[in-house]
N, C-alpha and C. Protein backbone atom coordinates (compact mmCIF):
# COMPACT_ATOMS: atom_id res chain seq x y z
N MET A 1 105.70 105.42 85.54
CA MET A 1 104.74 105.07 86.60
C MET A 1 105.04 103.68 87.17
N ILE A 2 104.85 103.57 88.44
CA ILE A 2 105.06 102.28 89.16
C ILE A 2 103.66 101.77 89.54
N ARG A 3 103.37 100.54 89.18
CA ARG A 3 102.06 99.94 89.61
C ARG A 3 102.31 99.30 90.97
N ARG A 4 101.40 99.60 91.88
CA ARG A 4 101.43 98.97 93.24
C ARG A 4 100.17 98.15 93.37
N LEU A 5 100.37 96.91 93.81
CA LEU A 5 99.25 96.00 94.00
C LEU A 5 99.42 95.33 95.38
N LEU A 6 98.37 95.42 96.17
CA LEU A 6 98.39 94.83 97.50
C LEU A 6 97.31 93.76 97.56
N TYR A 7 97.69 92.55 98.00
CA TYR A 7 96.72 91.49 98.13
C TYR A 7 96.89 90.78 99.44
N ARG A 8 95.86 90.01 99.79
CA ARG A 8 95.91 89.20 100.99
C ARG A 8 95.44 87.80 100.60
N SER A 9 96.05 86.79 101.25
CA SER A 9 95.64 85.40 101.01
C SER A 9 95.84 84.63 102.31
N ARG A 10 95.31 83.43 102.31
CA ARG A 10 95.42 82.51 103.42
C ARG A 10 96.32 81.36 102.96
N GLN A 11 97.17 80.85 103.84
CA GLN A 11 98.00 79.72 103.44
C GLN A 11 97.07 78.50 103.21
N ALA A 12 97.37 77.74 102.18
CA ALA A 12 96.51 76.60 101.83
C ALA A 12 96.81 75.39 102.71
N TYR A 13 98.00 75.38 103.31
CA TYR A 13 98.41 74.33 104.23
C TYR A 13 99.41 74.94 105.20
N GLU A 14 99.67 74.21 106.26
CA GLU A 14 100.59 74.72 107.31
C GLU A 14 102.01 74.88 106.71
N PHE A 15 102.53 76.05 106.78
CA PHE A 15 103.88 76.39 106.29
C PHE A 15 104.85 76.16 107.42
N GLY A 16 105.98 75.54 107.09
CA GLY A 16 107.09 75.46 108.00
C GLY A 16 108.12 76.51 107.60
N THR A 17 109.13 76.70 108.44
CA THR A 17 110.20 77.63 108.11
C THR A 17 110.83 77.34 106.76
N ASP A 18 111.12 76.08 106.48
CA ASP A 18 111.75 75.75 105.21
C ASP A 18 110.84 76.08 104.03
N ASP A 19 109.54 75.84 104.18
CA ASP A 19 108.58 76.17 103.10
C ASP A 19 108.60 77.67 102.80
N LEU A 20 108.54 78.47 103.82
CA LEU A 20 108.50 79.90 103.64
C LEU A 20 109.84 80.42 103.10
N LEU A 21 110.93 79.84 103.56
CA LEU A 21 112.24 80.25 103.06
C LEU A 21 112.38 79.95 101.57
N ARG A 22 111.91 78.76 101.15
CA ARG A 22 111.92 78.43 99.72
C ARG A 22 111.07 79.41 98.89
N LEU A 23 109.88 79.72 99.42
CA LEU A 23 109.01 80.68 98.76
C LEU A 23 109.70 82.04 98.61
N LEU A 24 110.32 82.52 99.67
CA LEU A 24 111.00 83.82 99.64
C LEU A 24 112.17 83.84 98.64
N LEU A 25 112.96 82.78 98.66
CA LEU A 25 114.13 82.70 97.77
C LEU A 25 113.68 82.68 96.32
N ALA A 26 112.65 81.89 96.03
CA ALA A 26 112.12 81.84 94.65
C ALA A 26 111.52 83.17 94.22
N ALA A 27 110.81 83.86 95.15
CA ALA A 27 110.24 85.14 94.81
C ALA A 27 111.30 86.18 94.55
N ARG A 28 112.36 86.13 95.36
CA ARG A 28 113.43 87.12 95.18
C ARG A 28 114.13 86.95 93.83
N ARG A 29 114.35 85.68 93.44
CA ARG A 29 114.98 85.42 92.16
C ARG A 29 114.09 85.90 91.01
N TYR A 30 112.82 85.51 91.05
CA TYR A 30 111.89 85.84 89.99
C TYR A 30 111.69 87.35 89.93
N ASN A 31 111.43 87.96 91.07
CA ASN A 31 111.16 89.40 91.11
C ASN A 31 112.36 90.21 90.66
N GLY A 32 113.56 89.78 91.06
CA GLY A 32 114.74 90.46 90.59
C GLY A 32 114.87 90.46 89.08
N ALA A 33 114.56 89.34 88.48
CA ALA A 33 114.66 89.23 87.01
C ALA A 33 113.56 90.05 86.32
N GLN A 34 112.44 90.27 86.99
CA GLN A 34 111.28 91.00 86.38
C GLN A 34 111.29 92.47 86.79
N GLY A 35 112.17 92.89 87.65
CA GLY A 35 112.18 94.27 88.11
C GLY A 35 111.06 94.62 89.06
N VAL A 36 110.57 93.59 89.78
CA VAL A 36 109.47 93.76 90.78
C VAL A 36 110.09 93.83 92.15
N THR A 37 109.59 94.77 92.93
CA THR A 37 109.96 94.88 94.34
C THR A 37 108.72 94.70 95.21
N GLY A 38 108.91 94.51 96.50
CA GLY A 38 107.80 94.39 97.36
C GLY A 38 108.10 93.95 98.79
N LEU A 39 107.06 93.64 99.51
CA LEU A 39 107.17 93.21 100.90
C LEU A 39 106.09 92.17 101.18
N LEU A 40 106.51 91.03 101.75
CA LEU A 40 105.60 89.95 102.13
C LEU A 40 105.43 89.98 103.66
N LEU A 41 104.21 90.03 104.10
CA LEU A 41 103.90 90.01 105.52
C LEU A 41 103.20 88.67 105.86
N PHE A 42 103.45 88.18 107.07
CA PHE A 42 102.79 86.95 107.49
C PHE A 42 102.27 87.14 108.93
N ARG A 43 101.03 86.69 109.14
CA ARG A 43 100.43 86.76 110.42
C ARG A 43 99.32 85.68 110.54
N GLU A 44 99.43 84.79 111.49
CA GLU A 44 98.37 83.86 111.82
C GLU A 44 97.83 83.10 110.59
N GLY A 45 98.70 82.60 109.75
CA GLY A 45 98.26 81.85 108.59
C GLY A 45 97.84 82.71 107.43
N LEU A 46 97.97 84.01 107.53
CA LEU A 46 97.57 84.96 106.48
C LEU A 46 98.82 85.59 105.87
N PHE A 47 98.75 85.84 104.62
CA PHE A 47 99.81 86.59 103.90
C PHE A 47 99.20 87.90 103.46
N MET A 48 100.01 88.94 103.46
CA MET A 48 99.67 90.17 102.78
C MET A 48 100.96 90.55 102.02
N GLN A 49 100.78 90.91 100.77
CA GLN A 49 101.97 91.17 99.97
C GLN A 49 101.77 92.41 99.10
N LEU A 50 102.77 93.28 99.10
CA LEU A 50 102.80 94.43 98.19
C LEU A 50 103.75 94.01 97.01
N LEU A 51 103.22 94.24 95.84
CA LEU A 51 104.04 94.05 94.61
C LEU A 51 104.10 95.40 93.90
N GLU A 52 105.29 95.75 93.43
CA GLU A 52 105.42 97.04 92.71
C GLU A 52 106.40 96.89 91.55
N GLY A 53 106.08 97.56 90.45
CA GLY A 53 106.93 97.47 89.29
C GLY A 53 106.14 97.96 88.06
N ALA A 54 106.57 97.53 86.90
CA ALA A 54 105.84 97.87 85.69
C ALA A 54 104.46 97.24 85.71
N ARG A 55 103.48 97.90 85.19
CA ARG A 55 102.10 97.46 85.25
C ARG A 55 101.94 95.99 84.78
N THR A 56 102.42 95.64 83.61
CA THR A 56 102.21 94.33 83.11
C THR A 56 102.94 93.27 83.97
N ASP A 57 104.15 93.61 84.44
CA ASP A 57 104.89 92.66 85.28
C ASP A 57 104.17 92.34 86.58
N VAL A 58 103.64 93.41 87.22
CA VAL A 58 102.95 93.24 88.50
C VAL A 58 101.62 92.48 88.30
N GLU A 59 100.90 92.78 87.26
CA GLU A 59 99.62 92.11 87.05
C GLU A 59 99.80 90.67 86.64
N MET A 60 100.84 90.38 85.85
CA MET A 60 101.13 88.98 85.48
C MET A 60 101.56 88.17 86.71
N LEU A 61 102.34 88.76 87.62
CA LEU A 61 102.77 88.08 88.81
C LEU A 61 101.60 87.83 89.72
N TYR A 62 100.73 88.80 89.87
CA TYR A 62 99.54 88.59 90.71
C TYR A 62 98.67 87.47 90.16
N ALA A 63 98.52 87.39 88.85
CA ALA A 63 97.72 86.30 88.23
C ALA A 63 98.35 84.94 88.55
N ARG A 64 99.67 84.88 88.54
CA ARG A 64 100.38 83.60 88.88
C ARG A 64 100.13 83.24 90.36
N ILE A 65 100.23 84.25 91.23
CA ILE A 65 100.02 84.03 92.66
C ILE A 65 98.57 83.54 92.92
N ALA A 66 97.63 84.17 92.23
CA ALA A 66 96.22 83.78 92.47
C ALA A 66 95.96 82.32 92.06
N GLN A 67 96.76 81.76 91.19
CA GLN A 67 96.63 80.36 90.75
C GLN A 67 97.52 79.40 91.53
N ASP A 68 98.38 79.95 92.38
CA ASP A 68 99.34 79.15 93.12
C ASP A 68 98.64 78.30 94.20
N PRO A 69 98.83 77.00 94.22
CA PRO A 69 98.08 76.14 95.17
C PRO A 69 98.51 76.35 96.62
N ARG A 70 99.56 77.11 96.88
CA ARG A 70 99.97 77.43 98.27
C ARG A 70 99.08 78.47 98.89
N HIS A 71 98.33 79.18 98.03
CA HIS A 71 97.45 80.27 98.50
C HIS A 71 95.98 79.89 98.31
N ARG A 72 95.12 80.35 99.15
CA ARG A 72 93.69 80.27 98.94
C ARG A 72 93.09 81.58 99.40
N GLU A 73 91.86 81.84 99.01
CA GLU A 73 91.19 83.06 99.37
C GLU A 73 92.02 84.28 99.03
N VAL A 74 92.59 84.27 97.84
CA VAL A 74 93.39 85.39 97.38
C VAL A 74 92.47 86.58 97.04
N GLU A 75 92.77 87.71 97.66
CA GLU A 75 91.91 88.90 97.49
C GLU A 75 92.79 90.12 97.22
N MET A 76 92.53 90.78 96.11
CA MET A 76 93.20 92.03 95.81
C MET A 76 92.60 93.09 96.70
N LEU A 77 93.44 93.80 97.44
CA LEU A 77 92.95 94.84 98.36
C LEU A 77 93.04 96.24 97.76
N GLN A 78 94.16 96.50 97.12
CA GLN A 78 94.36 97.84 96.54
C GLN A 78 95.26 97.74 95.30
N ILE A 79 95.01 98.64 94.36
CA ILE A 79 95.85 98.76 93.23
C ILE A 79 95.96 100.23 92.92
N ALA A 80 97.16 100.72 92.69
CA ALA A 80 97.37 102.15 92.51
C ALA A 80 98.66 102.36 91.70
N ASP A 81 98.77 103.51 91.11
CA ASP A 81 99.99 103.90 90.45
C ASP A 81 100.70 104.95 91.25
N GLY A 82 102.00 104.89 91.24
CA GLY A 82 102.82 105.88 91.96
C GLY A 82 104.03 106.30 91.12
N VAL A 83 104.70 107.31 91.59
CA VAL A 83 105.86 107.81 90.88
C VAL A 83 107.13 107.11 91.33
N GLU A 84 107.17 106.71 92.62
CA GLU A 84 108.37 106.03 93.13
C GLU A 84 107.96 104.77 93.86
N ARG A 85 108.89 103.89 94.01
CA ARG A 85 108.64 102.64 94.74
C ARG A 85 108.62 102.88 96.23
N MET A 86 107.82 102.11 96.95
CA MET A 86 107.86 102.10 98.41
C MET A 86 108.99 101.27 98.91
N MET A 87 109.37 100.19 98.18
CA MET A 87 110.35 99.22 98.60
C MET A 87 111.52 99.14 97.63
N PRO A 88 112.16 100.25 97.30
CA PRO A 88 113.27 100.16 96.35
C PRO A 88 114.37 99.26 96.87
N GLY A 89 114.86 98.42 95.98
CA GLY A 89 115.97 97.53 96.37
C GLY A 89 115.56 96.26 97.06
N TRP A 90 114.29 96.08 97.37
CA TRP A 90 113.79 94.87 98.06
C TRP A 90 113.06 94.02 97.06
N GLN A 91 113.74 92.98 96.49
CA GLN A 91 113.07 92.07 95.55
C GLN A 91 111.90 91.38 96.25
N MET A 92 112.03 91.16 97.56
CA MET A 92 110.93 90.73 98.38
C MET A 92 111.37 90.81 99.84
N GLY A 93 111.01 91.88 100.49
CA GLY A 93 111.24 92.04 101.90
C GLY A 93 110.29 91.12 102.66
N TYR A 94 110.55 90.88 103.92
CA TYR A 94 109.70 89.96 104.69
C TYR A 94 109.54 90.47 106.11
N ALA A 95 108.34 90.36 106.64
CA ALA A 95 108.09 90.71 108.04
C ALA A 95 106.97 89.79 108.55
N GLN A 96 107.03 89.46 109.82
CA GLN A 96 105.98 88.67 110.43
C GLN A 96 105.56 89.27 111.73
N ALA A 97 104.33 89.09 112.10
CA ALA A 97 103.83 89.52 113.35
C ALA A 97 104.23 88.45 114.39
N PRO A 98 104.65 88.88 115.58
CA PRO A 98 105.01 87.88 116.58
C PRO A 98 103.78 87.16 117.15
N GLN A 99 104.03 85.99 117.67
CA GLN A 99 102.94 85.24 118.31
C GLN A 99 102.62 85.93 119.64
N ILE A 100 101.57 85.48 120.31
CA ILE A 100 101.15 86.07 121.56
C ILE A 100 102.29 86.10 122.58
N ASP A 101 103.07 85.04 122.62
CA ASP A 101 104.15 84.97 123.61
C ASP A 101 105.39 85.77 123.21
N GLY A 102 105.31 86.47 122.09
CA GLY A 102 106.40 87.32 121.64
C GLY A 102 107.45 86.67 120.78
N LYS A 103 107.27 85.37 120.50
CA LYS A 103 108.27 84.66 119.67
C LYS A 103 107.77 84.66 118.22
N ASP A 104 108.72 84.73 117.30
CA ASP A 104 108.38 84.69 115.88
C ASP A 104 107.80 83.31 115.50
N VAL A 105 106.84 83.32 114.61
CA VAL A 105 106.22 82.09 114.12
C VAL A 105 107.31 81.22 113.43
N PHE A 106 108.13 81.86 112.60
CA PHE A 106 109.19 81.16 111.86
C PHE A 106 110.50 81.63 112.45
N SER A 107 111.02 80.90 113.43
CA SER A 107 112.19 81.35 114.16
C SER A 107 113.42 81.47 113.28
N GLY A 108 113.49 80.75 112.18
CA GLY A 108 114.67 80.79 111.32
C GLY A 108 114.64 81.95 110.31
N LEU A 109 113.56 82.71 110.27
CA LEU A 109 113.44 83.83 109.34
C LEU A 109 113.38 85.14 110.14
N VAL A 110 114.22 86.06 109.75
CA VAL A 110 114.30 87.33 110.44
C VAL A 110 113.52 88.38 109.65
N THR A 111 112.75 89.17 110.36
CA THR A 111 112.07 90.30 109.72
C THR A 111 113.11 91.28 109.17
N ASP A 112 112.85 91.77 107.97
CA ASP A 112 113.78 92.68 107.33
C ASP A 112 113.47 94.10 107.88
N ALA A 113 114.28 94.50 108.86
CA ALA A 113 114.05 95.77 109.55
C ALA A 113 114.09 96.97 108.58
N GLY A 114 114.99 96.91 107.60
CA GLY A 114 115.08 98.03 106.62
C GLY A 114 113.81 98.15 105.81
N ALA A 115 113.21 97.05 105.46
CA ALA A 115 111.92 97.12 104.72
C ALA A 115 110.83 97.71 105.57
N LEU A 116 110.80 97.37 106.87
CA LEU A 116 109.80 97.92 107.79
C LEU A 116 110.02 99.42 107.98
N GLN A 117 111.24 99.84 107.98
CA GLN A 117 111.53 101.29 108.10
C GLN A 117 110.97 102.04 106.86
N LEU A 118 111.17 101.45 105.68
CA LEU A 118 110.58 102.05 104.48
C LEU A 118 109.10 102.09 104.58
N LEU A 119 108.49 101.03 105.08
CA LEU A 119 107.02 100.99 105.22
C LEU A 119 106.58 102.08 106.17
N ALA A 120 107.28 102.27 107.28
CA ALA A 120 106.90 103.29 108.25
C ALA A 120 107.02 104.72 107.66
N ARG A 121 107.93 104.91 106.73
CA ARG A 121 108.13 106.24 106.17
C ARG A 121 107.30 106.50 104.94
N ALA A 122 106.58 105.50 104.44
CA ALA A 122 105.87 105.60 103.16
C ALA A 122 104.78 106.67 103.21
N GLY A 123 104.05 106.74 104.31
CA GLY A 123 103.03 107.79 104.52
C GLY A 123 102.08 107.98 103.40
N ASP A 124 101.75 109.25 103.11
CA ASP A 124 100.73 109.59 102.16
C ASP A 124 101.00 109.16 100.72
N ARG A 125 102.25 109.07 100.33
CA ARG A 125 102.56 108.72 98.96
C ARG A 125 102.18 107.30 98.56
N SER A 126 101.77 106.51 99.56
CA SER A 126 101.43 105.11 99.30
C SER A 126 99.96 104.83 98.99
N SER A 127 99.15 105.86 98.89
CA SER A 127 97.69 105.68 98.66
C SER A 127 97.03 104.78 99.70
N GLY A 128 97.47 104.85 100.94
CA GLY A 128 96.89 104.10 102.02
C GLY A 128 97.42 102.70 102.15
N ILE A 129 98.26 102.27 101.20
CA ILE A 129 98.78 100.89 101.24
C ILE A 129 99.65 100.65 102.49
N ALA A 130 100.50 101.63 102.82
CA ALA A 130 101.37 101.47 103.98
C ALA A 130 100.54 101.35 105.26
N ALA A 131 99.54 102.14 105.41
CA ALA A 131 98.66 102.07 106.61
C ALA A 131 97.98 100.71 106.72
N THR A 132 97.50 100.20 105.58
CA THR A 132 96.85 98.88 105.58
C THR A 132 97.82 97.81 105.99
N MET A 133 99.07 97.89 105.52
CA MET A 133 100.08 96.88 105.84
C MET A 133 100.47 96.98 107.32
N ARG A 134 100.63 98.17 107.82
CA ARG A 134 101.00 98.35 109.26
C ARG A 134 99.84 97.80 110.10
N GLY A 135 98.60 98.06 109.71
CA GLY A 135 97.48 97.56 110.45
C GLY A 135 97.41 96.02 110.49
N PHE A 136 97.76 95.42 109.35
CA PHE A 136 97.76 93.94 109.24
C PHE A 136 98.77 93.38 110.27
N LEU A 137 99.98 93.92 110.33
CA LEU A 137 100.96 93.45 111.25
C LEU A 137 100.54 93.65 112.71
N ALA A 138 99.71 94.70 112.93
CA ALA A 138 99.23 94.99 114.28
C ALA A 138 98.01 94.15 114.68
N GLY A 139 97.50 93.34 113.74
CA GLY A 139 96.36 92.44 114.06
C GLY A 139 95.04 92.92 113.53
N GLU A 140 95.03 94.01 112.74
CA GLU A 140 93.77 94.49 112.22
C GLU A 140 93.49 93.82 110.87
N GLY A 141 92.20 93.78 110.53
CA GLY A 141 91.79 93.40 109.17
C GLY A 141 91.91 91.94 108.83
N ALA A 142 91.89 91.03 109.80
CA ALA A 142 91.98 89.60 109.49
C ALA A 142 90.61 89.14 109.00
N PRO A 143 90.57 88.38 107.89
CA PRO A 143 89.29 87.80 107.50
C PRO A 143 88.88 86.70 108.47
N PRO A 144 87.60 86.36 108.58
CA PRO A 144 87.18 85.32 109.46
C PRO A 144 87.77 83.98 109.02
N ALA A 145 87.97 83.12 110.00
CA ALA A 145 88.49 81.78 109.67
C ALA A 145 87.44 80.99 108.92
N PRO A 146 87.87 80.00 108.08
CA PRO A 146 86.89 79.21 107.32
C PRO A 146 85.90 78.58 108.24
N GLY A 147 84.65 78.61 107.86
CA GLY A 147 83.60 77.97 108.63
C GLY A 147 83.08 78.84 109.79
N VAL A 148 83.61 80.00 109.99
CA VAL A 148 83.16 80.88 111.07
C VAL A 148 82.11 81.82 110.51
N ALA A 149 80.95 81.81 111.13
CA ALA A 149 79.87 82.67 110.68
C ALA A 149 80.20 84.12 111.00
N THR A 150 79.78 84.97 110.06
CA THR A 150 79.92 86.44 110.33
C THR A 150 78.54 87.06 110.28
N ARG A 151 78.41 88.13 110.96
CA ARG A 151 77.10 88.80 111.00
C ARG A 151 77.04 89.95 110.07
């Protein structure tokens, strides 16, 4: 069984391209050593990340992320078990939603097209995780900004 965990968080401070690149490189090294795969999405100061692997490895990694000072408002969205990985071979894929003018937020980082293709094909076997992630990139499901009243 593969454990899938999807969470969302807000960046604790303004990330630059170098900051995000360091985060991705460290995640890929760590995840590769732990047998964890996944996909990190970024949009408007928000992260959404899918982690998948052995149950204990995924849950321990999520606990580390929840305590990481680079993240705040960490919220687990979904947790499910599956037979196969959604992101096989991707120690940490990356995708970002473009800004309004069509330019990437982090111009030095390229969206992993192969990972997005896997996300698009995940369909029903993903327990709704793929649809949630596609919606996030499309601008759906953003939590309110800090200090903004909600009704």
